[in-house]
Amino acid sequence: MSTIDEQFDTVIQEPVATEPSRGKQIAKKAGVLIAVFALGGALGYGVTQQQVGDAQAQADKDVAAAQAQAEEDVAAAEELAETRALAAETAIKTREDAVAQRETDVAAKESAVAGREAAVTTTEQAIDASKIQPGTYLVPEELTAGRYRTVNEVSYCYMKQTKGSDIIDNLLEESGRPVFTVTNVPGSEFLIDSDCGPVQKI
């Protein structure tokens, strides 16, 4: 079977006859060739359209796959971002809780220190209140009976208890922290010399 090109070459190369029958034959062959070319063109166009359709379908599939992949990537990125944000918030909350706990601990320590300072102050005030400054005191209205010692070391100290012109007891010390015992004699007086400084009941 000859190809379309071979048939075309045959027609082109064949000399045109002068006889009517020969002309009819050439015209018939030319018609056949035109029909063949037309059919071939139609077939070729059909193949091209099919290829275009296939390519379009494949392109649609590729676009759909790319879009689906992009959506998956976006969803994964959003999930990762949310996870990181949650982790960051958790870390910040943990640090804030730790800071709050430290502040609570510091406040508790400060309160404890303040309590100890208040206790020391109270003790000091009690000690100061218990100090009896040098002077003369009426027994037992102003000073009760008992043993009294100087608060500080002394280089000279004189104390005595009297009733009227009678000396019940007296003490003269030139060192240390002397102790004097006041007896319970109503109406008597207890004298603390200024050189003794304050005394405390023991």
N, C-alpha and C. Protein backbone atom coordinates (compact mmCIF):
# COMPACT_ATOMS: atom_id res chain seq x y z
N MET A 1 0.86 -1.21 0.00
CA MET A 1 0.00 0.00 0.00
C MET A 1 0.88 1.23 0.00
N SER A 2 0.66 2.17 -0.94
CA SER A 2 1.49 3.36 -1.07
C SER A 2 1.05 4.40 -0.08
N THR A 3 1.99 5.21 0.37
CA THR A 3 1.69 6.28 1.31
C THR A 3 1.08 7.45 0.59
N ILE A 4 0.58 8.41 1.36
CA ILE A 4 -0.04 9.60 0.76
C ILE A 4 1.00 10.38 -0.02
N ASP A 5 2.21 10.49 0.53
CA ASP A 5 3.27 11.25 -0.18
C ASP A 5 3.62 10.59 -1.50
N GLU A 6 3.68 9.24 -1.53
CA GLU A 6 4.01 8.54 -2.78
C GLU A 6 2.94 8.76 -3.82
N GLN A 7 1.66 8.70 -3.39
CA GLN A 7 0.56 8.94 -4.32
C GLN A 7 0.59 10.36 -4.85
N PHE A 8 0.94 11.30 -3.97
CA PHE A 8 1.01 12.70 -4.39
C PHE A 8 2.12 12.90 -5.40
N ASP A 9 3.26 12.28 -5.13
CA ASP A 9 4.38 12.40 -6.09
C ASP A 9 4.02 11.79 -7.43
N THR A 10 3.30 10.67 -7.37
CA THR A 10 2.92 10.00 -8.63
C THR A 10 2.03 10.91 -9.45
N VAL A 11 1.08 11.55 -8.78
CA VAL A 11 0.15 12.44 -9.49
C VAL A 11 0.87 13.64 -10.06
N ILE A 12 1.76 14.21 -9.28
CA ILE A 12 2.47 15.41 -9.71
C ILE A 12 3.40 15.11 -10.88
N GLN A 13 4.08 13.97 -10.79
CA GLN A 13 5.08 13.64 -11.81
C GLN A 13 4.45 13.07 -13.08
N GLU A 14 3.24 12.57 -13.01
CA GLU A 14 2.62 11.97 -14.19
C GLU A 14 2.19 13.04 -15.18
N PRO A 15 2.54 12.93 -16.45
CA PRO A 15 2.17 13.95 -17.44
C PRO A 15 0.68 13.95 -17.70
N VAL A 16 0.18 15.15 -17.94
CA VAL A 16 -1.26 15.30 -18.18
C VAL A 16 -1.56 14.86 -19.62
N ALA A 17 -2.52 13.90 -19.78
CA ALA A 17 -2.89 13.41 -21.13
C ALA A 17 -3.88 14.33 -21.79
N THR A 18 -3.89 14.27 -23.02
CA THR A 18 -4.80 15.14 -23.78
C THR A 18 -6.14 14.51 -23.96
N GLU A 19 -6.17 13.17 -23.68
CA GLU A 19 -7.45 12.50 -23.91
C GLU A 19 -8.40 12.80 -22.75
N PRO A 20 -9.66 12.87 -23.02
CA PRO A 20 -10.64 13.14 -21.98
C PRO A 20 -10.61 12.10 -20.89
N SER A 21 -10.47 10.82 -21.27
CA SER A 21 -10.46 9.76 -20.26
C SER A 21 -9.27 9.90 -19.36
N ARG A 22 -8.13 10.32 -19.93
CA ARG A 22 -6.93 10.50 -19.11
C ARG A 22 -7.11 11.66 -18.15
N GLY A 23 -7.72 12.71 -18.58
CA GLY A 23 -7.99 13.86 -17.70
C GLY A 23 -8.92 13.49 -16.57
N LYS A 24 -9.89 12.66 -16.90
CA LYS A 24 -10.81 12.23 -15.84
C LYS A 24 -10.09 11.41 -14.78
N GLN A 25 -9.19 10.56 -15.27
CA GLN A 25 -8.44 9.73 -14.31
C GLN A 25 -7.58 10.60 -13.39
N ILE A 26 -6.93 11.60 -13.97
CA ILE A 26 -6.09 12.49 -13.14
C ILE A 26 -6.95 13.26 -12.15
N ALA A 27 -8.09 13.74 -12.59
CA ALA A 27 -8.99 14.47 -11.69
C ALA A 27 -9.48 13.58 -10.58
N LYS A 28 -9.75 12.30 -10.93
CA LYS A 28 -10.23 11.37 -9.91
C LYS A 28 -9.17 11.11 -8.86
N LYS A 29 -7.88 10.94 -9.36
CA LYS A 29 -6.78 10.72 -8.42
C LYS A 29 -6.55 11.95 -7.54
N ALA A 30 -6.68 13.13 -8.12
CA ALA A 30 -6.49 14.36 -7.34
C ALA A 30 -7.57 14.47 -6.26
N GLY A 31 -8.78 14.09 -6.59
CA GLY A 31 -9.86 14.11 -5.61
C GLY A 31 -9.60 13.16 -4.47
N VAL A 32 -9.10 11.97 -4.86
CA VAL A 32 -8.78 10.98 -3.84
C VAL A 32 -7.70 11.51 -2.90
N LEU A 33 -6.66 12.14 -3.50
CA LEU A 33 -5.57 12.69 -2.68
C LEU A 33 -6.08 13.79 -1.75
N ILE A 34 -6.95 14.64 -2.27
CA ILE A 34 -7.50 15.71 -1.43
C ILE A 34 -8.28 15.13 -0.28
N ALA A 35 -9.05 14.08 -0.60
CA ALA A 35 -9.84 13.44 0.47
C ALA A 35 -8.94 12.81 1.49
N VAL A 36 -7.83 12.18 1.00
CA VAL A 36 -6.89 11.54 1.92
C VAL A 36 -6.23 12.58 2.81
N PHE A 37 -5.80 13.70 2.17
CA PHE A 37 -5.19 14.79 2.97
C PHE A 37 -6.16 15.33 4.00
N ALA A 38 -7.40 15.50 3.56
CA ALA A 38 -8.41 16.02 4.49
C ALA A 38 -8.63 15.07 5.65
N LEU A 39 -8.68 13.75 5.29
CA LEU A 39 -8.87 12.74 6.33
C LEU A 39 -7.66 12.72 7.27
N GLY A 40 -6.48 12.81 6.66
CA GLY A 40 -5.27 12.82 7.50
C GLY A 40 -5.24 14.03 8.42
N GLY A 41 -5.64 15.20 7.87
CA GLY A 41 -5.67 16.40 8.70
C GLY A 41 -6.67 16.26 9.83
N ALA A 42 -7.80 15.66 9.47
CA ALA A 42 -8.82 15.47 10.50
C ALA A 42 -8.34 14.54 11.58
N LEU A 43 -7.70 13.44 11.12
CA LEU A 43 -7.16 12.49 12.09
C LEU A 43 -6.08 13.14 12.94
N GLY A 44 -5.20 13.93 12.29
CA GLY A 44 -4.15 14.62 13.03
C GLY A 44 -4.72 15.59 14.04
N TYR A 45 -5.73 16.32 13.68
CA TYR A 45 -6.36 17.26 14.61
C TYR A 45 -6.99 16.53 15.77
N GLY A 46 -7.59 15.38 15.49
CA GLY A 46 -8.19 14.59 16.55
C GLY A 46 -7.15 14.12 17.54
N VAL A 47 -6.01 13.68 17.04
CA VAL A 47 -4.93 13.24 17.94
C VAL A 47 -4.46 14.41 18.79
N THR A 48 -4.32 15.58 18.20
CA THR A 48 -3.86 16.76 18.92
C THR A 48 -4.85 17.15 20.01
N GLN A 49 -6.11 17.13 19.69
CA GLN A 49 -7.13 17.46 20.66
C GLN A 49 -7.11 16.47 21.82
N GLN A 50 -6.93 15.20 21.50
CA GLN A 50 -6.85 14.18 22.56
C GLN A 50 -5.66 14.43 23.47
N GLN A 51 -4.51 14.77 22.82
CA GLN A 51 -3.32 15.06 23.62
C GLN A 51 -3.52 16.28 24.50
N VAL A 52 -4.16 17.30 23.93
CA VAL A 52 -4.44 18.50 24.72
C VAL A 52 -5.36 18.18 25.89
N GLY A 53 -6.38 17.34 25.60
CA GLY A 53 -7.29 16.95 26.67
C GLY A 53 -6.58 16.18 27.78
N ASP A 54 -5.72 15.26 27.33
CA ASP A 54 -4.95 14.49 28.33
C ASP A 54 -4.03 15.39 29.13
N ALA A 55 -3.35 16.30 28.42
CA ALA A 55 -2.44 17.22 29.11
C ALA A 55 -3.20 18.11 30.09
N GLN A 56 -4.38 18.56 29.67
CA GLN A 56 -5.19 19.40 30.53
C GLN A 56 -5.64 18.63 31.78
N ALA A 57 -6.04 17.37 31.54
CA ALA A 57 -6.46 16.54 32.67
C ALA A 57 -5.29 16.31 33.63
N GLN A 58 -4.11 16.04 33.06
CA GLN A 58 -2.93 15.83 33.90
C GLN A 58 -2.56 17.10 34.66
N ALA A 59 -2.68 18.24 33.96
CA ALA A 59 -2.39 19.51 34.60
C ALA A 59 -3.37 19.77 35.75
N ASP A 60 -4.64 19.45 35.54
CA ASP A 60 -5.64 19.62 36.60
C ASP A 60 -5.30 18.75 37.80
N LYS A 61 -4.87 17.49 37.48
CA LYS A 61 -4.47 16.59 38.59
C LYS A 61 -3.27 17.15 39.34
N ASP A 62 -2.28 17.65 38.55
CA ASP A 62 -1.07 18.21 39.18
C ASP A 62 -1.41 19.42 40.04
N VAL A 63 -2.30 20.29 39.53
CA VAL A 63 -2.70 21.48 40.30
C VAL A 63 -3.43 21.07 41.57
N ALA A 64 -4.34 20.08 41.42
CA ALA A 64 -5.08 19.61 42.59
C ALA A 64 -4.14 19.00 43.62
N ALA A 65 -3.15 18.21 43.14
CA ALA A 65 -2.19 17.59 44.06
C ALA A 65 -1.32 18.64 44.73
N ALA A 66 -0.88 19.64 43.93
CA ALA A 66 -0.06 20.71 44.49
C ALA A 66 -0.85 21.51 45.53
N GLN A 67 -2.13 21.77 45.21
CA GLN A 67 -2.97 22.51 46.14
C GLN A 67 -3.18 21.73 47.43
N ALA A 68 -3.43 20.42 47.28
CA ALA A 68 -3.61 19.58 48.46
C ALA A 68 -2.34 19.54 49.30
N GLN A 69 -1.17 19.43 48.62
CA GLN A 69 0.10 19.41 49.34
C GLN A 69 0.34 20.74 50.05
N ALA A 70 0.01 21.83 49.33
CA ALA A 70 0.17 23.16 49.93
C ALA A 70 -0.72 23.30 51.16
N GLU A 71 -1.96 22.82 51.07
CA GLU A 71 -2.85 22.89 52.22
C GLU A 71 -2.32 22.06 53.39
N GLU A 72 -1.76 20.88 53.07
CA GLU A 72 -1.16 20.05 54.12
C GLU A 72 0.03 20.76 54.76
N ASP A 73 0.86 21.39 53.90
CA ASP A 73 2.03 22.10 54.42
C ASP A 73 1.61 23.26 55.31
N VAL A 74 0.58 24.01 54.88
CA VAL A 74 0.09 25.13 55.67
C VAL A 74 -0.47 24.63 57.01
N ALA A 75 -1.25 23.54 56.95
CA ALA A 75 -1.82 22.98 58.18
C ALA A 75 -0.71 22.52 59.12
N ALA A 76 0.31 21.86 58.54
CA ALA A 76 1.43 21.40 59.37
C ALA A 76 2.18 22.57 59.98
N ALA A 77 2.39 23.64 59.17
CA ALA A 77 3.09 24.83 59.67
C ALA A 77 2.29 25.50 60.78
N GLU A 78 0.97 25.59 60.59
CA GLU A 78 0.12 26.19 61.62
C GLU A 78 0.14 25.36 62.90
N GLU A 79 0.09 24.03 62.75
CA GLU A 79 0.14 23.15 63.93
C GLU A 79 1.46 23.30 64.66
N LEU A 80 2.57 23.36 63.87
CA LEU A 80 3.88 23.54 64.48
C LEU A 80 3.97 24.88 65.19
N ALA A 81 3.43 25.93 64.55
CA ALA A 81 3.46 27.26 65.17
C ALA A 81 2.64 27.27 66.46
N GLU A 82 1.48 26.62 66.44
CA GLU A 82 0.65 26.56 67.65
C GLU A 82 1.36 25.78 68.76
N THR A 83 2.02 24.67 68.35
CA THR A 83 2.76 23.88 69.34
C THR A 83 3.87 24.69 69.97
N ARG A 84 4.62 25.42 69.12
CA ARG A 84 5.71 26.25 69.64
C ARG A 84 5.17 27.38 70.51
N ALA A 85 4.07 27.97 70.08
CA ALA A 85 3.48 29.05 70.87
C ALA A 85 3.01 28.54 72.23
N LEU A 86 2.39 27.34 72.22
CA LEU A 86 1.93 26.75 73.48
C LEU A 86 3.12 26.44 74.38
N ALA A 87 4.20 25.90 73.77
CA ALA A 87 5.40 25.60 74.56
C ALA A 87 5.99 26.88 75.15
N ALA A 88 6.00 27.96 74.34
CA ALA A 88 6.52 29.23 74.82
C ALA A 88 5.65 29.78 75.96
N GLU A 89 4.33 29.69 75.79
CA GLU A 89 3.43 30.15 76.84
C GLU A 89 3.61 29.34 78.13
N THR A 90 3.79 28.02 77.95
CA THR A 90 4.01 27.16 79.12
C THR A 90 5.30 27.54 79.83
N ALA A 91 6.37 27.77 79.02
CA ALA A 91 7.66 28.15 79.61
C ALA A 91 7.55 29.49 80.34
N ILE A 92 6.85 30.44 79.73
CA ILE A 92 6.66 31.75 80.36
C ILE A 92 5.86 31.60 81.65
N LYS A 93 4.79 30.78 81.60
CA LYS A 93 3.97 30.57 82.80
C LYS A 93 4.80 29.92 83.91
N THR A 94 5.67 28.96 83.51
CA THR A 94 6.52 28.30 84.50
C THR A 94 7.46 29.30 85.15
N ARG A 95 8.08 30.16 84.30
CA ARG A 95 8.99 31.18 84.85
C ARG A 95 8.23 32.16 85.74
N GLU A 96 7.04 32.57 85.30
CA GLU A 96 6.25 33.49 86.12
C GLU A 96 5.88 32.86 87.46
N ASP A 97 5.52 31.56 87.43
CA ASP A 97 5.20 30.87 88.68
C ASP A 97 6.43 30.80 89.58
N ALA A 98 7.60 30.52 88.96
CA ALA A 98 8.84 30.46 89.75
C ALA A 98 9.16 31.81 90.36
N VAL A 99 8.98 32.87 89.57
CA VAL A 99 9.23 34.23 90.08
C VAL A 99 8.25 34.55 91.21
N ALA A 100 6.98 34.19 91.00
CA ALA A 100 5.97 34.44 92.04
C ALA A 100 6.31 33.67 93.32
N GLN A 101 6.79 32.42 93.15
CA GLN A 101 7.16 31.62 94.31
C GLN A 101 8.34 32.23 95.04
N ARG A 102 9.34 32.71 94.24
CA ARG A 102 10.49 33.36 94.87
C ARG A 102 10.06 34.62 95.61
N GLU A 103 9.17 35.39 94.99
CA GLU A 103 8.67 36.59 95.66
C GLU A 103 7.94 36.23 96.95
N THR A 104 7.16 35.15 96.89
CA THR A 104 6.47 34.70 98.11
C THR A 104 7.47 34.29 99.18
N ASP A 105 8.51 33.55 98.75
CA ASP A 105 9.54 33.13 99.70
C ASP A 105 10.26 34.33 100.31
N VAL A 106 10.59 35.29 99.43
CA VAL A 106 11.27 36.49 99.92
C VAL A 106 10.38 37.25 100.90
N ALA A 107 9.10 37.35 100.54
CA ALA A 107 8.16 38.05 101.43
C ALA A 107 8.06 37.33 102.78
N ALA A 108 8.05 35.98 102.72
CA ALA A 108 7.98 35.21 103.97
C ALA A 108 9.24 35.43 104.81
N LYS A 109 10.41 35.44 104.12
CA LYS A 109 11.66 35.67 104.85
C LYS A 109 11.70 37.08 105.44
N GLU A 110 11.25 38.05 104.63
CA GLU A 110 11.22 39.42 105.13
C GLU A 110 10.28 39.54 106.34
N SER A 111 9.14 38.83 106.24
CA SER A 111 8.21 38.85 107.36
C SER A 111 8.83 38.21 108.60
N ALA A 112 9.57 37.09 108.37
CA ALA A 112 10.24 36.42 109.50
C ALA A 112 11.29 37.33 110.12
N VAL A 113 12.06 38.00 109.25
CA VAL A 113 13.08 38.93 109.75
C VAL A 113 12.44 40.06 110.53
N ALA A 114 11.35 40.59 109.95
CA ALA A 114 10.63 41.67 110.64
C ALA A 114 10.11 41.18 111.99
N GLY A 115 9.63 39.92 112.02
CA GLY A 115 9.15 39.38 113.29
C GLY A 115 10.27 39.25 114.31
N ARG A 116 11.46 38.77 113.81
CA ARG A 116 12.59 38.65 114.73
C ARG A 116 13.05 40.02 115.21
N GLU A 117 13.07 40.99 114.28
CA GLU A 117 13.47 42.34 114.68
C GLU A 117 12.49 42.91 115.70
N ALA A 118 11.20 42.64 115.47
CA ALA A 118 10.20 43.13 116.43
C ALA A 118 10.39 42.47 117.80
N ALA A 119 10.71 41.14 117.73
CA ALA A 119 10.93 40.43 119.00
C ALA A 119 12.16 40.98 119.72
N VAL A 120 13.23 41.24 118.93
CA VAL A 120 14.45 41.81 119.52
C VAL A 120 14.15 43.19 120.11
N THR A 121 13.39 43.98 119.33
CA THR A 121 13.04 45.31 119.81
C THR A 121 12.23 45.23 121.10
N THR A 122 11.28 44.28 121.11
CA THR A 122 10.48 44.11 122.32
C THR A 122 11.35 43.70 123.50
N THR A 123 12.30 42.77 123.22
CA THR A 123 13.20 42.33 124.28
C THR A 123 14.06 43.48 124.78
N GLU A 124 14.58 44.25 123.79
CA GLU A 124 15.41 45.40 124.17
C GLU A 124 14.60 46.40 124.98
N GLN A 125 13.36 46.61 124.53
CA GLN A 125 12.51 47.54 125.28
C GLN A 125 12.23 47.01 126.68
N ALA A 126 12.03 45.68 126.76
CA ALA A 126 11.80 45.08 128.08
C ALA A 126 13.04 45.22 128.96
N ILE A 127 14.20 45.01 128.31
CA ILE A 127 15.45 45.16 129.06
C ILE A 127 15.63 46.60 129.52
N ASP A 128 15.37 47.52 128.57
CA ASP A 128 15.49 48.94 128.93
C ASP A 128 14.51 49.29 130.04
N ALA A 129 13.30 48.72 129.94
CA ALA A 129 12.30 49.03 130.96
C ALA A 129 12.70 48.45 132.32
N SER A 130 13.45 47.32 132.24
CA SER A 130 13.86 46.70 133.50
C SER A 130 15.08 47.37 134.12
N LYS A 131 15.72 48.23 133.35
CA LYS A 131 16.89 48.93 133.91
C LYS A 131 16.44 50.00 134.90
N ILE A 132 17.10 50.00 136.01
CA ILE A 132 16.79 51.00 137.05
C ILE A 132 17.94 51.99 137.10
N GLN A 133 17.62 53.20 136.77
CA GLN A 133 18.64 54.23 136.70
C GLN A 133 19.09 54.66 138.13
N PRO A 134 20.29 55.21 138.22
CA PRO A 134 20.76 55.68 139.55
C PRO A 134 19.77 56.64 140.19
N GLY A 135 19.62 56.55 141.51
CA GLY A 135 18.68 57.40 142.26
C GLY A 135 18.29 56.72 143.55
N THR A 136 17.29 57.27 144.21
CA THR A 136 16.79 56.73 145.48
C THR A 136 15.36 56.28 145.29
N TYR A 137 15.05 55.02 145.71
CA TYR A 137 13.73 54.43 145.47
C TYR A 137 13.14 53.94 146.81
N LEU A 138 11.83 54.15 146.94
CA LEU A 138 11.11 53.73 148.14
C LEU A 138 10.75 52.25 148.02
N VAL A 139 11.08 51.47 149.05
CA VAL A 139 10.79 50.03 149.06
C VAL A 139 9.54 49.80 149.91
N PRO A 140 8.56 49.03 149.46
CA PRO A 140 8.51 48.30 148.19
C PRO A 140 7.69 49.01 147.12
N GLU A 141 7.24 50.26 147.43
CA GLU A 141 6.33 50.96 146.50
C GLU A 141 7.00 51.22 145.14
N GLU A 142 8.22 51.69 145.15
CA GLU A 142 8.90 52.05 143.90
C GLU A 142 9.89 50.98 143.43
N LEU A 143 10.31 50.16 144.35
CA LEU A 143 11.28 49.11 143.99
C LEU A 143 11.07 47.94 144.93
N THR A 144 10.85 46.78 144.36
CA THR A 144 10.57 45.59 145.19
C THR A 144 11.87 44.98 145.70
N ALA A 145 11.73 44.17 146.73
CA ALA A 145 12.89 43.49 147.30
C ALA A 145 13.44 42.47 146.29
N GLY A 146 14.74 42.19 146.39
CA GLY A 146 15.36 41.23 145.47
C GLY A 146 16.81 41.56 145.22
N ARG A 147 17.46 40.82 144.35
CA ARG A 147 18.87 41.02 144.05
C ARG A 147 19.01 41.88 142.79
N TYR A 148 19.89 42.85 142.87
CA TYR A 148 20.10 43.79 141.76
C TYR A 148 21.59 43.82 141.39
N ARG A 149 21.84 43.81 140.06
CA ARG A 149 23.22 43.83 139.59
C ARG A 149 23.39 44.95 138.58
N THR A 150 24.60 45.53 138.56
CA THR A 150 24.85 46.61 137.60
C THR A 150 24.81 46.05 136.18
N VAL A 151 24.33 46.86 135.25
CA VAL A 151 24.23 46.45 133.84
C VAL A 151 25.62 46.38 133.23
N ASN A 152 26.50 47.31 133.60
CA ASN A 152 27.83 47.39 133.00
C ASN A 152 28.92 47.16 134.05
N GLU A 153 30.11 46.90 133.54
CA GLU A 153 31.28 46.83 134.42
C GLU A 153 31.50 48.21 135.05
N VAL A 154 31.94 48.22 136.28
CA VAL A 154 32.15 49.50 136.98
C VAL A 154 33.59 49.60 137.49
N SER A 155 34.01 50.83 137.67
CA SER A 155 35.31 51.07 138.33
C SER A 155 35.10 51.62 139.75
N TYR A 156 33.84 52.00 140.02
CA TYR A 156 33.47 52.46 141.36
C TYR A 156 31.96 52.41 141.44
N CYS A 157 31.42 51.86 142.54
CA CYS A 157 29.97 51.77 142.69
C CYS A 157 29.64 51.67 144.18
N TYR A 158 28.68 52.51 144.58
CA TYR A 158 28.22 52.49 145.98
C TYR A 158 26.70 52.40 145.99
N MET A 159 26.15 51.39 146.71
CA MET A 159 24.71 51.22 146.88
C MET A 159 24.42 50.96 148.36
N LYS A 160 23.24 51.43 148.80
CA LYS A 160 22.86 51.19 150.19
C LYS A 160 21.36 51.22 150.35
N GLN A 161 20.88 50.52 151.43
CA GLN A 161 19.46 50.55 151.78
C GLN A 161 19.37 51.09 153.21
N THR A 162 18.54 52.08 153.38
CA THR A 162 18.41 52.73 154.69
C THR A 162 16.95 52.88 155.08
N LYS A 163 16.74 53.07 156.40
CA LYS A 163 15.41 53.42 156.88
C LYS A 163 15.62 54.49 157.93
N GLY A 164 15.23 55.68 157.57
CA GLY A 164 15.51 56.82 158.44
C GLY A 164 17.02 57.00 158.50
N SER A 165 17.56 57.05 159.73
CA SER A 165 19.01 57.22 159.87
C SER A 165 19.74 55.89 159.97
N ASP A 166 18.97 54.76 159.95
CA ASP A 166 19.59 53.45 160.06
C ASP A 166 20.01 52.92 158.68
N ILE A 167 21.21 52.38 158.62
CA ILE A 167 21.69 51.74 157.38
C ILE A 167 21.40 50.25 157.50
N ILE A 168 20.49 49.77 156.64
CA ILE A 168 20.16 48.35 156.65
C ILE A 168 21.30 47.53 156.02
N ASP A 169 21.83 48.04 154.89
CA ASP A 169 22.96 47.38 154.24
C ASP A 169 23.57 48.36 153.24
N ASN A 170 24.87 48.19 152.99
CA ASN A 170 25.51 49.02 151.97
C ASN A 170 26.59 48.21 151.25
N LEU A 171 27.02 48.74 150.09
CA LEU A 171 27.99 48.01 149.26
C LEU A 171 28.86 49.01 148.53
N LEU A 172 30.18 48.78 148.54
CA LEU A 172 31.12 49.60 147.78
C LEU A 172 32.03 48.65 146.97
N GLU A 173 31.95 48.79 145.65
CA GLU A 173 32.77 47.97 144.77
C GLU A 173 33.51 48.88 143.79
N GLU A 174 34.73 48.43 143.43
CA GLU A 174 35.55 49.22 142.51
C GLU A 174 35.89 48.45 141.22
N SER A 175 35.19 47.36 140.96
CA SER A 175 35.39 46.60 139.71
C SER A 175 34.23 45.62 139.52
N GLY A 176 34.17 45.07 138.31
CA GLY A 176 33.16 44.05 138.02
C GLY A 176 31.76 44.58 137.92
N ARG A 177 30.82 43.66 138.16
CA ARG A 177 29.40 44.01 138.15
C ARG A 177 28.82 43.62 139.51
N PRO A 178 28.89 44.51 140.45
CA PRO A 178 28.46 44.18 141.80
C PRO A 178 26.98 43.90 141.91
N VAL A 179 26.64 43.05 142.93
CA VAL A 179 25.25 42.66 143.18
C VAL A 179 24.87 43.12 144.58
N PHE A 180 23.68 43.73 144.67
CA PHE A 180 23.18 44.20 145.97
C PHE A 180 21.81 43.58 146.21
N THR A 181 21.60 43.09 147.46
CA THR A 181 20.31 42.49 147.81
C THR A 181 19.49 43.48 148.63
N VAL A 182 18.33 43.81 148.09
CA VAL A 182 17.40 44.72 148.77
C VAL A 182 16.43 43.87 149.58
N THR A 183 16.36 44.13 150.86
CA THR A 183 15.44 43.38 151.73
C THR A 183 14.08 44.06 151.77
N ASN A 184 13.08 43.26 152.11
CA ASN A 184 11.71 43.79 152.12
C ASN A 184 11.44 44.49 153.46
N VAL A 185 11.85 45.73 153.52
CA VAL A 185 11.61 46.55 154.71
C VAL A 185 10.75 47.73 154.28
N PRO A 186 9.45 47.66 154.58
CA PRO A 186 8.59 48.76 154.18
C PRO A 186 9.07 50.09 154.75
N GLY A 187 8.99 51.14 153.94
CA GLY A 187 9.39 52.46 154.37
C GLY A 187 10.88 52.70 154.22
N SER A 188 11.62 51.68 153.77
CA SER A 188 13.06 51.88 153.56
C SER A 188 13.32 52.45 152.18
N GLU A 189 14.56 52.92 151.98
CA GLU A 189 14.94 53.49 150.69
C GLU A 189 16.20 52.79 150.18
N PHE A 190 16.24 52.66 148.84
CA PHE A 190 17.39 52.03 148.20
C PHE A 190 18.07 53.10 147.36
N LEU A 191 19.39 53.31 147.65
CA LEU A 191 20.16 54.33 146.94
C LEU A 191 21.13 53.66 145.96
N ILE A 192 21.10 54.16 144.71
CA ILE A 192 22.04 53.69 143.68
C ILE A 192 22.88 54.90 143.29
N ASP A 193 24.18 54.85 143.55
CA ASP A 193 25.05 55.97 143.23
C ASP A 193 25.18 56.10 141.71
N SER A 194 25.38 57.35 141.24
CA SER A 194 25.47 57.59 139.80
C SER A 194 26.65 56.87 139.16
N ASP A 195 27.72 56.58 139.94
CA ASP A 195 28.87 55.89 139.38
C ASP A 195 28.55 54.42 139.07
N CYS A 196 27.47 53.90 139.64
CA CYS A 196 27.11 52.50 139.39
C CYS A 196 26.46 52.31 138.01
N GLY A 197 25.84 53.41 137.54
CA GLY A 197 25.08 53.26 136.31
C GLY A 197 23.80 52.51 136.59
N PRO A 198 23.05 52.11 135.54
CA PRO A 198 21.78 51.40 135.78
C PRO A 198 22.02 49.99 136.33
N VAL A 199 21.01 49.50 137.08
CA VAL A 199 21.05 48.14 137.61
C VAL A 199 19.81 47.41 137.15
N GLN A 200 19.87 46.06 137.21
CA GLN A 200 18.74 45.22 136.83
C GLN A 200 18.50 44.17 137.90
N LYS A 201 17.23 43.83 138.05
CA LYS A 201 16.89 42.78 139.00
C LYS A 201 17.22 41.42 138.41
N ILE A 202 17.84 40.55 139.16
CA ILE A 202 18.23 39.24 138.67
C ILE A 202 17.56 38.14 139.49
